[in-house]
Amino acid sequence: MSEDVPFKATAGLHHAVRYRDERTGFTHHGFLNLLLAVCRVVDGGTAEAAVAVLRSTDAEALAAEARQVSSVTAATARALFVAYGSCSTSEPIDDLRALGLVAKEDAV
């Protein structure tokens, strides 16, 4: 069985990092968490390693891990994680800028 199945995560990934919405009490996944889980699996990581990064709320550690992703891993992960849904076009970019992953002058 092949794991090389492209996917789209639909709706609700407004922020880069997993968080609990104090108003609703719901926990929301972060798109960076999801991307790093794909990267870990692409690099031969275990399901447990992917789950661990999906559960992380440590923005600094996630940003540091993202900076270490190789170009080969990034390209493979991008071929698999083809899209995600968000109601906002600015919130995801603002989060990446706050994490230092996208410069203010960079176009996304």
PDB file of N, CA and C in Angstrom:
ATOM      1  N   MET A   1       0.847  -1.182   0.000  1.00  0.00           N
ATOM      2  CA  MET A   1       0.000   0.000   0.000  1.00  0.00           C
ATOM      3  C   MET A   1       0.887   1.237   0.000  1.00  0.00           C
ATOM      4  N   SER A   2       0.572   2.194  -0.838  1.00  0.00           N
ATOM      5  CA  SER A   2       1.369   3.413  -0.933  1.00  0.00           C
ATOM      6  C   SER A   2       0.791   4.510  -0.048  1.00  0.00           C
ATOM      7  N   GLU A   3       1.678   5.255   0.600  1.00  0.00           N
ATOM      8  CA  GLU A   3       1.247   6.392   1.410  1.00  0.00           C
ATOM      9  C   GLU A   3       1.341   7.698   0.632  1.00  0.00           C
ATOM     10  N   ASP A   4       1.737   7.629  -0.621  1.00  0.00           N
ATOM     11  CA  ASP A   4       1.936   8.836  -1.420  1.00  0.00           C
ATOM     12  C   ASP A   4       0.633   9.316  -2.034  1.00  0.00           C
ATOM     13  N   VAL A   5      -0.317   9.673  -1.174  1.00  0.00           N
ATOM     14  CA  VAL A   5      -1.626  10.117  -1.625  1.00  0.00           C
ATOM     15  C   VAL A   5      -1.774  11.607  -1.323  1.00  0.00           C
ATOM     16  N   PRO A   6      -1.837  12.439  -2.355  1.00  0.00           N
ATOM     17  CA  PRO A   6      -2.029  13.876  -2.124  1.00  0.00           C
ATOM     18  C   PRO A   6      -3.359  14.129  -1.413  1.00  0.00           C
ATOM     19  N   PHE A   7      -3.383  15.176  -0.573  1.00  0.00           N
ATOM     20  CA  PHE A   7      -4.612  15.490   0.153  1.00  0.00           C
ATOM     21  C   PHE A   7      -4.763  16.994   0.336  1.00  0.00           C
ATOM     22  N   LYS A   8      -5.996  17.384   0.632  1.00  0.00           N
ATOM     23  CA  LYS A   8      -6.346  18.760   0.974  1.00  0.00           C
ATOM     24  C   LYS A   8      -7.042  18.713   2.325  1.00  0.00           C
ATOM     25  N   ALA A   9      -6.638  19.568   3.227  1.00  0.00           N
ATOM     26  CA  ALA A   9      -7.299  19.698   4.523  1.00  0.00           C
ATOM     27  C   ALA A   9      -8.309  20.831   4.391  1.00  0.00           C
ATOM     28  N   THR A  10      -9.571  20.526   4.503  1.00  0.00           N
ATOM     29  CA  THR A  10     -10.596  21.531   4.244  1.00  0.00           C
ATOM     30  C   THR A  10     -11.051  22.227   5.514  1.00  0.00           C
ATOM     31  N   ALA A  11     -11.214  23.511   5.388  1.00  0.00           N
ATOM     32  CA  ALA A  11     -11.841  24.393   6.368  1.00  0.00           C
ATOM     33  C   ALA A  11     -11.228  24.397   7.764  1.00  0.00           C
ATOM     34  N   GLY A  12     -11.064  25.587   8.277  1.00  0.00           N
ATOM     35  CA  GLY A  12     -10.756  25.767   9.670  1.00  0.00           C
ATOM     36  C   GLY A  12      -9.312  25.908  10.082  1.00  0.00           C
ATOM     37  N   LEU A  13      -8.375  25.817   9.177  1.00  0.00           N
ATOM     38  CA  LEU A  13      -6.970  25.963   9.557  1.00  0.00           C
ATOM     39  C   LEU A  13      -6.557  27.430   9.436  1.00  0.00           C
ATOM     40  N   HIS A  14      -7.068  28.240  10.341  1.00  0.00           N
ATOM     41  CA  HIS A  14      -6.834  29.680  10.287  1.00  0.00           C
ATOM     42  C   HIS A  14      -5.466  30.081  10.817  1.00  0.00           C
ATOM     43  N   HIS A  15      -4.934  29.306  11.741  1.00  0.00           N
ATOM     44  CA  HIS A  15      -3.682  29.678  12.396  1.00  0.00           C
ATOM     45  C   HIS A  15      -2.606  28.626  12.176  1.00  0.00           C
ATOM     46  N   ALA A  16      -1.369  29.057  12.306  1.00  0.00           N
ATOM     47  CA  ALA A  16      -0.228  28.177  12.055  1.00  0.00           C
ATOM     48  C   ALA A  16      -0.085  27.103  13.125  1.00  0.00           C
ATOM     49  N   VAL A  17      -0.385  27.448  14.367  1.00  0.00           N
ATOM     50  CA  VAL A  17      -0.095  26.560  15.495  1.00  0.00           C
ATOM     51  C   VAL A  17      -1.396  26.158  16.202  1.00  0.00           C
ATOM     52  N   ARG A  18      -1.455  24.911  16.607  1.00  0.00           N
ATOM     53  CA  ARG A  18      -2.599  24.369  17.352  1.00  0.00           C
ATOM     54  C   ARG A  18      -2.890  25.271  18.561  1.00  0.00           C
ATOM     55  N   TYR A  19      -4.170  25.497  18.806  1.00  0.00           N
ATOM     56  CA  TYR A  19      -4.556  26.336  19.938  1.00  0.00           C
ATOM     57  C   TYR A  19      -5.960  25.969  20.417  1.00  0.00           C
ATOM     58  N   ARG A  20      -6.249  26.372  21.628  1.00  0.00           N
ATOM     59  CA  ARG A  20      -7.586  26.178  22.201  1.00  0.00           C
ATOM     60  C   ARG A  20      -8.286  27.524  22.198  1.00  0.00           C
ATOM     61  N   ASP A  21      -9.439  27.560  21.563  1.00  0.00           N
ATOM     62  CA  ASP A  21     -10.241  28.780  21.506  1.00  0.00           C
ATOM     63  C   ASP A  21     -10.936  28.950  22.857  1.00  0.00           C
ATOM     64  N   GLU A  22     -10.559  29.979  23.582  1.00  0.00           N
ATOM     65  CA  GLU A  22     -11.117  30.214  24.922  1.00  0.00           C
ATOM     66  C   GLU A  22     -12.621  30.465  24.877  1.00  0.00           C
ATOM     67  N   ARG A  23     -13.098  31.051  23.793  1.00  0.00           N
ATOM     68  CA  ARG A  23     -14.524  31.368  23.676  1.00  0.00           C
ATOM     69  C   ARG A  23     -15.370  30.109  23.535  1.00  0.00           C
ATOM     70  N   THR A  24     -14.929  29.186  22.682  1.00  0.00           N
ATOM     71  CA  THR A  24     -15.717  27.987  22.402  1.00  0.00           C
ATOM     72  C   THR A  24     -15.251  26.762  23.186  1.00  0.00           C
ATOM     73  N   GLY A  25     -13.996  26.779  23.625  1.00  0.00           N
ATOM     74  CA  GLY A  25     -13.441  25.616  24.303  1.00  0.00           C
ATOM     75  C   GLY A  25     -12.901  24.557  23.351  1.00  0.00           C
ATOM     76  N   PHE A  26     -13.031  24.790  22.049  1.00  0.00           N
ATOM     77  CA  PHE A  26     -12.559  23.819  21.067  1.00  0.00           C
ATOM     78  C   PHE A  26     -11.068  23.994  20.788  1.00  0.00           C
ATOM     79  N   THR A  27     -10.412  22.876  20.533  1.00  0.00           N
ATOM     80  CA  THR A  27      -9.017  22.893  20.116  1.00  0.00           C
ATOM     81  C   THR A  27      -8.984  22.854  18.596  1.00  0.00           C
ATOM     82  N   HIS A  28      -8.164  23.728  18.019  1.00  0.00           N
ATOM     83  CA  HIS A  28      -8.045  23.827  16.566  1.00  0.00           C
ATOM     84  C   HIS A  28      -6.635  23.419  16.153  1.00  0.00           C
ATOM     85  N   HIS A  29      -6.558  22.642  15.100  1.00  0.00           N
ATOM     86  CA  HIS A  29      -5.254  22.259  14.572  1.00  0.00           C
ATOM     87  C   HIS A  29      -4.616  23.442  13.864  1.00  0.00           C
ATOM     88  N   GLY A  30      -3.302  23.458  13.809  1.00  0.00           N
ATOM     89  CA  GLY A  30      -2.571  24.485  13.085  1.00  0.00           C
ATOM     90  C   GLY A  30      -2.067  23.933  11.759  1.00  0.00           C
ATOM     91  N   PHE A  31      -2.055  24.788  10.734  1.00  0.00           N
ATOM     92  CA  PHE A  31      -1.590  24.311   9.430  1.00  0.00           C
ATOM     93  C   PHE A  31      -0.098  24.005   9.441  1.00  0.00           C
ATOM     94  N   LEU A  32       0.684  24.704  10.275  1.00  0.00           N
ATOM     95  CA  LEU A  32       2.105  24.393  10.378  1.00  0.00           C
ATOM     96  C   LEU A  32       2.297  23.031  11.047  1.00  0.00           C
ATOM     97  N   ASN A  33       1.495  22.739  12.060  1.00  0.00           N
ATOM     98  CA  ASN A  33       1.542  21.420  12.693  1.00  0.00           C
ATOM     99  C   ASN A  33       1.305  20.331  11.648  1.00  0.00           C
ATOM    100  N   LEU A  34       0.284  20.528  10.829  1.00  0.00           N
ATOM    101  CA  LEU A  34      -0.054  19.533   9.816  1.00  0.00           C
ATOM    102  C   LEU A  34       1.060  19.386   8.789  1.00  0.00           C
ATOM    103  N   LEU A  35       1.602  20.495   8.347  1.00  0.00           N
ATOM    104  CA  LEU A  35       2.697  20.442   7.373  1.00  0.00           C
ATOM    105  C   LEU A  35       3.911  19.722   7.949  1.00  0.00           C
ATOM    106  N   LEU A  36       4.250  20.009   9.197  1.00  0.00           N
ATOM    107  CA  LEU A  36       5.408  19.353   9.812  1.00  0.00           C
ATOM    108  C   LEU A  36       5.155  17.861  10.057  1.00  0.00           C
ATOM    109  N   ALA A  37       3.913  17.483  10.316  1.00  0.00           N
ATOM    110  CA  ALA A  37       3.590  16.059  10.444  1.00  0.00           C
ATOM    111  C   ALA A  37       3.848  15.353   9.119  1.00  0.00           C
ATOM    112  N   VAL A  38       3.460  15.979   8.023  1.00  0.00           N
ATOM    113  CA  VAL A  38       3.723  15.408   6.697  1.00  0.00           C
ATOM    114  C   VAL A  38       5.231  15.318   6.471  1.00  0.00           C
ATOM    115  N   CYS A  39       5.958  16.366   6.819  1.00  0.00           N
ATOM    116  CA  CYS A  39       7.415  16.359   6.654  1.00  0.00           C
ATOM    117  C   CYS A  39       8.058  15.232   7.449  1.00  0.00           C
ATOM    118  N   ARG A  40       7.597  15.022   8.672  1.00  0.00           N
ATOM    119  CA  ARG A  40       8.169  13.949   9.489  1.00  0.00           C
ATOM    120  C   ARG A  40       7.940  12.583   8.846  1.00  0.00           C
ATOM    121  N   VAL A  41       6.743  12.365   8.332  1.00  0.00           N
ATOM    122  CA  VAL A  41       6.442  11.087   7.696  1.00  0.00           C
ATOM    123  C   VAL A  41       7.251  10.932   6.408  1.00  0.00           C
ATOM    124  N   VAL A  42       7.356  12.002   5.630  1.00  0.00           N
ATOM    125  CA  VAL A  42       8.157  11.971   4.397  1.00  0.00           C
ATOM    126  C   VAL A  42       9.598  11.580   4.710  1.00  0.00           C
ATOM    127  N   ASP A  43      10.106  12.050   5.845  1.00  0.00           N
ATOM    128  CA  ASP A  43      11.480  11.746   6.261  1.00  0.00           C
ATOM    129  C   ASP A  43      11.618  10.377   6.927  1.00  0.00           C
ATOM    130  N   GLY A  44      10.553   9.589   6.913  1.00  0.00           N
ATOM    131  CA  GLY A  44      10.610   8.248   7.483  1.00  0.00           C
ATOM    132  C   GLY A  44      10.207   8.168   8.935  1.00  0.00           C
ATOM    133  N   GLY A  45       9.644   9.250   9.464  1.00  0.00           N
ATOM    134  CA  GLY A  45       9.216   9.260  10.858  1.00  0.00           C
ATOM    135  C   GLY A  45       8.036   8.348  11.110  1.00  0.00           C
ATOM    136  N   THR A  46       7.814   8.044  12.359  1.00  0.00           N
ATOM    137  CA  THR A  46       6.726   7.160  12.774  1.00  0.00           C
ATOM    138  C   THR A  46       5.410   7.920  12.888  1.00  0.00           C
ATOM    139  N   ALA A  47       4.340   7.157  12.989  1.00  0.00           N
ATOM    140  CA  ALA A  47       3.026   7.755  13.237  1.00  0.00           C
ATOM    141  C   ALA A  47       3.043   8.521  14.555  1.00  0.00           C
ATOM    142  N   GLU A  48       3.750   7.989  15.545  1.00  0.00           N
ATOM    143  CA  GLU A  48       3.837   8.649  16.847  1.00  0.00           C
ATOM    144  C   GLU A  48       4.528  10.014  16.737  1.00  0.00           C
ATOM    145  N   ALA A  49       5.552  10.086  15.896  1.00  0.00           N
ATOM    146  CA  ALA A  49       6.248  11.365  15.698  1.00  0.00           C
ATOM    147  C   ALA A  49       5.324  12.369  15.018  1.00  0.00           C
ATOM    148  N   ALA A  50       4.528  11.909  14.075  1.00  0.00           N
ATOM    149  CA  ALA A  50       3.577  12.792  13.398  1.00  0.00           C
ATOM    150  C   ALA A  50       2.505  13.276  14.373  1.00  0.00           C
ATOM    151  N   VAL A  51       1.994  12.372  15.188  1.00  0.00           N
ATOM    152  CA  VAL A  51       0.972  12.742  16.172  1.00  0.00           C
ATOM    153  C   VAL A  51       1.539  13.740  17.180  1.00  0.00           C
ATOM    154  N   ALA A  52       2.774  13.536  17.591  1.00  0.00           N
ATOM    155  CA  ALA A  52       3.395  14.450  18.559  1.00  0.00           C
ATOM    156  C   ALA A  52       3.456  15.871  18.025  1.00  0.00           C
ATOM    157  N   VAL A  53       3.836  16.033  16.776  1.00  0.00           N
ATOM    158  CA  VAL A  53       3.912  17.385  16.221  1.00  0.00           C
ATOM    159  C   VAL A  53       2.509  17.949  15.971  1.00  0.00           C
ATOM    160  N   LEU A  54       1.545  17.107  15.667  1.00  0.00           N
ATOM    161  CA  LEU A  54       0.163  17.587  15.522  1.00  0.00           C
ATOM    162  C   LEU A  54      -0.373  18.131  16.841  1.00  0.00           C
ATOM    163  N   ARG A  55       0.064  17.562  17.951  1.00  0.00           N
ATOM    164  CA  ARG A  55      -0.408  17.971  19.280  1.00  0.00           C
ATOM    165  C   ARG A  55       0.345  19.161  19.860  1.00  0.00           C
ATOM    166  N   SER A  56       1.452  19.521  19.266  1.00  0.00           N
ATOM    167  CA  SER A  56       2.296  20.571  19.837  1.00  0.00           C
ATOM    168  C   SER A  56       1.640  21.950  19.770  1.00  0.00           C
ATOM    169  N   THR A  57       1.827  22.701  20.840  1.00  0.00           N
ATOM    170  CA  THR A  57       1.411  24.103  20.872  1.00  0.00           C
ATOM    171  C   THR A  57       2.621  25.018  21.064  1.00  0.00           C
ATOM    172  N   ASP A  58       3.799  24.457  20.926  1.00  0.00           N
ATOM    173  CA  ASP A  58       5.051  25.191  21.119  1.00  0.00           C
ATOM    174  C   ASP A  58       5.448  25.878  19.804  1.00  0.00           C
ATOM    175  N   ALA A  59       4.992  27.101  19.640  1.00  0.00           N
ATOM    176  CA  ALA A  59       5.204  27.845  18.389  1.00  0.00           C
ATOM    177  C   ALA A  59       6.685  27.990  18.057  1.00  0.00           C
ATOM    178  N   GLU A  60       7.510  28.269  19.058  1.00  0.00           N
ATOM    179  CA  GLU A  60       8.951  28.447  18.823  1.00  0.00           C
ATOM    180  C   GLU A  60       9.591  27.162  18.298  1.00  0.00           C
ATOM    181  N   ALA A  61       9.241  26.036  18.923  1.00  0.00           N
ATOM    182  CA  ALA A  61       9.811  24.746  18.492  1.00  0.00           C
ATOM    183  C   ALA A  61       9.329  24.381  17.092  1.00  0.00           C
ATOM    184  N   LEU A  62       8.078  24.649  16.798  1.00  0.00           N
ATOM    185  CA  LEU A  62       7.547  24.350  15.466  1.00  0.00           C
ATOM    186  C   LEU A  62       8.236  25.205  14.406  1.00  0.00           C
ATOM    187  N   ALA A  63       8.411  26.489  14.700  1.00  0.00           N
ATOM    188  CA  ALA A  63       9.095  27.373  13.746  1.00  0.00           C
ATOM    189  C   ALA A  63      10.541  26.921  13.545  1.00  0.00           C
ATOM    190  N   ALA A  64      11.206  26.520  14.620  1.00  0.00           N
ATOM    191  CA  ALA A  64      12.591  26.045  14.510  1.00  0.00           C
ATOM    192  C   ALA A  64      12.655  24.787  13.652  1.00  0.00           C
ATOM    193  N   GLU A  65      11.721  23.875  13.853  1.00  0.00           N
ATOM    194  CA  GLU A  65      11.694  22.653  13.041  1.00  0.00           C
ATOM    195  C   GLU A  65      11.428  22.984  11.575  1.00  0.00           C
ATOM    196  N   ALA A  66      10.528  23.918  11.335  1.00  0.00           N
ATOM    197  CA  ALA A  66      10.213  24.306   9.951  1.00  0.00           C
ATOM    198  C   ALA A  66      11.444  24.866   9.246  1.00  0.00           C
ATOM    199  N   ARG A  67      12.247  25.616   9.968  1.00  0.00           N
ATOM    200  CA  ARG A  67      13.463  26.189   9.374  1.00  0.00           C
ATOM    201  C   ARG A  67      14.483  25.108   8.992  1.00  0.00           C
ATOM    202  N   GLN A  68      14.391  23.946   9.604  1.00  0.00           N
ATOM    203  CA  GLN A  68      15.346  22.866   9.359  1.00  0.00           C
ATOM    204  C   GLN A  68      14.902  21.880   8.271  1.00  0.00           C
ATOM    205  N   VAL A  69      13.689  22.045   7.747  1.00  0.00           N
ATOM    206  CA  VAL A  69      13.193  21.132   6.718  1.00  0.00           C
ATOM    207  C   VAL A  69      14.021  21.305   5.450  1.00  0.00           C
ATOM    208  N   SER A  70      14.524  20.203   4.927  1.00  0.00           N
ATOM    209  CA  SER A  70      15.339  20.268   3.708  1.00  0.00           C
ATOM    210  C   SER A  70      14.467  20.601   2.500  1.00  0.00           C
ATOM    211  N   SER A  71      15.097  21.086   1.464  1.00  0.00           N
ATOM    212  CA  SER A  71      14.352  21.429   0.250  1.00  0.00           C
ATOM    213  C   SER A  71      13.723  20.186  -0.385  1.00  0.00           C
ATOM    214  N   VAL A  72      14.385  19.049  -0.275  1.00  0.00           N
ATOM    215  CA  VAL A  72      13.834  17.802  -0.825  1.00  0.00           C
ATOM    216  C   VAL A  72      12.584  17.383  -0.047  1.00  0.00           C
ATOM    217  N   THR A  73      12.670  17.431   1.274  1.00  0.00           N
ATOM    218  CA  THR A  73      11.514  17.091   2.110  1.00  0.00           C
ATOM    219  C   THR A  73      10.376  18.072   1.855  1.00  0.00           C
ATOM    220  N   ALA A  74      10.700  19.350   1.761  1.00  0.00           N
ATOM    221  CA  ALA A  74       9.675  20.370   1.516  1.00  0.00           C
ATOM    222  C   ALA A  74       8.963  20.123   0.191  1.00  0.00           C
ATOM    223  N   ALA A  75       9.701  19.807  -0.841  1.00  0.00           N
ATOM    224  CA  ALA A  75       9.097  19.564  -2.157  1.00  0.00           C
ATOM    225  C   ALA A  75       8.196  18.331  -2.124  1.00  0.00           C
ATOM    226  N   THR A  76       8.640  17.289  -1.458  1.00  0.00           N
ATOM    227  CA  THR A  76       7.833  16.077  -1.369  1.00  0.00           C
ATOM    228  C   THR A  76       6.574  16.322  -0.544  1.00  0.00           C
ATOM    229  N   ALA A  77       6.728  17.017   0.578  1.00  0.00           N
ATOM    230  CA  ALA A  77       5.575  17.330   1.422  1.00  0.00           C
ATOM    231  C   ALA A  77       4.584  18.212   0.667  1.00  0.00           C
ATOM    232  N   ARG A  78       5.101  19.159  -0.092  1.00  0.00           N
ATOM    233  CA  ARG A  78       4.229  20.059  -0.861  1.00  0.00           C
ATOM    234  C   ARG A  78       3.448  19.302  -1.932  1.00  0.00           C
ATOM    235  N   ALA A  79       4.048  18.266  -2.506  1.00  0.00           N
ATOM    236  CA  ALA A  79       3.354  17.454  -3.497  1.00  0.00           C
ATOM    237  C   ALA A  79       2.226  16.642  -2.857  1.00  0.00           C
ATOM    238  N   LEU A  80       2.347  16.346  -1.574  1.00  0.00           N
ATOM    239  CA  LEU A  80       1.321  15.577  -0.871  1.00  0.00           C
ATOM    240  C   LEU A  80       0.263  16.469  -0.232  1.00  0.00           C
ATOM    241  N   PHE A  81       0.706  17.507   0.460  1.00  0.00           N
ATOM    242  CA  PHE A  81      -0.198  18.433   1.157  1.00  0.00           C
ATOM    243  C   PHE A  81      -0.500  19.558   0.168  1.00  0.00           C
ATOM    244  N   VAL A  82      -1.499  19.352  -0.675  1.00  0.00           N
ATOM    245  CA  VAL A  82      -1.710  20.250  -1.813  1.00  0.00           C
ATOM    246  C   VAL A  82      -2.455  21.532  -1.467  1.00  0.00           C
ATOM    247  N   ALA A  83      -3.254  21.523  -0.388  1.00  0.00           N
ATOM    248  CA  ALA A  83      -4.012  22.726  -0.045  1.00  0.00           C
ATOM    249  C   ALA A  83      -4.649  22.565   1.332  1.00  0.00           C
ATOM    250  N   TYR A  84      -5.063  23.689   1.885  1.00  0.00           N
ATOM    251  CA  TYR A  84      -5.865  23.663   3.104  1.00  0.00           C
ATOM    252  C   TYR A  84      -6.830  24.827   3.066  1.00  0.00           C
ATOM    253  N   GLY A  85      -7.903  24.718   3.824  1.00  0.00           N
ATOM    254  CA  GLY A  85      -8.932  25.741   3.819  1.00  0.00           C
ATOM    255  C   GLY A  85      -8.816  26.689   4.993  1.00  0.00           C
ATOM    256  N   SER A  86      -9.028  27.958   4.708  1.00  0.00           N
ATOM    257  CA  SER A  86      -9.065  28.990   5.726  1.00  0.00           C
ATOM    258  C   SER A  86     -10.017  30.078   5.246  1.00  0.00           C
ATOM    259  N   CYS A  87     -10.769  30.650   6.157  1.00  0.00           N
ATOM    260  CA  CYS A  87     -11.692  31.734   5.792  1.00  0.00           C
ATOM    261  C   CYS A  87     -10.961  33.056   5.605  1.00  0.00           C
ATOM    262  N   SER A  88      -9.707  33.085   5.979  1.00  0.00           N
ATOM    263  CA  SER A  88      -8.920  34.313   5.923  1.00  0.00           C
ATOM    264  C   SER A  88      -7.695  34.119   5.047  1.00  0.00           C
ATOM    265  N   THR A  89      -7.347  35.150   4.320  1.00  0.00           N
ATOM    266  CA  THR A  89      -6.094  35.107   3.572  1.00  0.00           C
ATOM    267  C   THR A  89      -4.977  35.795   4.342  1.00  0.00           C
ATOM    268  N   SER A  90      -5.329  36.642   5.292  1.00  0.00           N
ATOM    269  CA  SER A  90      -4.299  37.380   6.021  1.00  0.00           C
ATOM    270  C   SER A  90      -3.844  36.683   7.299  1.00  0.00           C
ATOM    271  N   GLU A  91      -4.732  36.026   8.033  1.00  0.00           N
ATOM    272  CA  GLU A  91      -4.348  35.396   9.297  1.00  0.00           C
ATOM    273  C   GLU A  91      -3.214  34.376   9.140  1.00  0.00           C
ATOM    274  N   PRO A  92      -3.295  33.465   8.178  1.00  0.00           N
ATOM    275  CA  PRO A  92      -2.191  32.511   8.036  1.00  0.00           C
ATOM    276  C   PRO A  92      -0.851  33.192   7.752  1.00  0.00           C
ATOM    277  N   ILE A  93      -0.848  34.183   6.903  1.00  0.00           N
ATOM    278  CA  ILE A  93       0.391  34.900   6.572  1.00  0.00           C
ATOM    279  C   ILE A  93       0.882  35.681   7.783  1.00  0.00           C
ATOM    280  N   ASP A  94      -0.030  36.316   8.503  1.00  0.00           N
ATOM    281  CA  ASP A  94       0.353  37.049   9.721  1.00  0.00           C
ATOM    282  C   ASP A  94       1.005  36.118  10.740  1.00  0.00           C
ATOM    283  N   ASP A  95       0.457  34.917  10.892  1.00  0.00           N
ATOM    284  CA  ASP A  95       1.041  33.945  11.827  1.00  0.00           C
ATOM    285  C   ASP A  95       2.454  33.557  11.391  1.00  0.00           C
ATOM    286  N   LEU A  96       2.631  33.295  10.099  1.00  0.00           N
ATOM    287  CA  LEU A  96       3.963  32.924   9.604  1.00  0.00           C
ATOM    288  C   LEU A  96       4.952  34.066   9.787  1.00  0.00           C
ATOM    289  N   ARG A  97       4.504  35.288   9.594  1.00  0.00           N
ATOM    290  CA  ARG A  97       5.376  36.452   9.822  1.00  0.00           C
ATOM    291  C   ARG A  97       5.749  36.558  11.294  1.00  0.00           C
ATOM    292  N   ALA A  98       4.776  36.365  12.180  1.00  0.00           N
ATOM    293  CA  ALA A  98       5.036  36.447  13.622  1.00  0.00           C
ATOM    294  C   ALA A  98       6.028  35.373  14.070  1.00  0.00           C
ATOM    295  N   LEU A  99       6.030  34.233  13.388  1.00  0.00           N
ATOM    296  CA  LEU A  99       6.958  33.151  13.704  1.00  0.00           C
ATOM    297  C   LEU A  99       8.313  33.331  13.024  1.00  0.00           C
ATOM    298  N   GLY A 100       8.432  34.369  12.211  1.00  0.00           N
ATOM    299  CA  GLY A 100       9.685  34.621  11.512  1.00  0.00           C
ATOM    300  C   GLY A 100       9.916  33.696  10.334  1.00  0.00           C
ATOM    301  N   LEU A 101       8.856  33.090   9.820  1.00  0.00           N
ATOM    302  CA  LEU A 101       8.979  32.163   8.696  1.00  0.00           C
ATOM    303  C   LEU A 101       8.738  32.845   7.354  1.00  0.00           C
ATOM    304  N   VAL A 102       8.117  34.015   7.374  1.00  0.00           N
ATOM    305  CA  VAL A 102       7.901  34.806   6.166  1.00  0.00           C
ATOM    306  C   VAL A 102       8.220  36.261   6.517  1.00  0.00           C
ATOM    307  N   ALA A 103       9.086  36.883   5.720  1.00  0.00           N
ATOM    308  CA  ALA A 103       9.420  38.286   5.955  1.00  0.00           C
ATOM    309  C   ALA A 103       8.274  39.184   5.494  1.00  0.00           C
ATOM    310  N   LYS A 104       8.158  40.348   6.117  1.00  0.00           N
ATOM    311  CA  LYS A 104       7.083  41.276   5.765  1.00  0.00           C
ATOM    312  C   LYS A 104       7.111  41.647   4.280  1.00  0.00           C
ATOM    313  N   GLU A 105       8.293  41.754   3.716  1.00  0.00           N
ATOM    314  CA  GLU A 105       8.407  42.164   2.325  1.00  0.00           C
ATOM    315  C   GLU A 105       8.214  41.010   1.342  1.00  0.00           C
ATOM    316  N   ASP A 106       8.211  39.763   1.862  1.00  0.00           N
ATOM    317  CA  ASP A 106       8.015  38.613   0.977  1.00  0.00           C
ATOM    318  C   ASP A 106       6.555  38.517   0.533  1.00  0.00           C
ATOM    319  N   ALA A 107       6.383  38.288  -0.736  1.00  0.00           N
ATOM    320  CA  ALA A 107       5.037  38.028  -1.250  1.00  0.00           C
ATOM    321  C   ALA A 107       4.760  36.543  -1.083  1.00  0.00           C
ATOM    322  N   VAL A 108       3.551  36.222  -0.703  1.00  0.00           N
ATOM    323  CA  VAL A 108       3.187  34.813  -0.529  1.00  0.00           C
ATOM    324  C   VAL A 108       2.210  34.415  -1.602  1.00  0.00           C
TER     325      VAL A 108
END
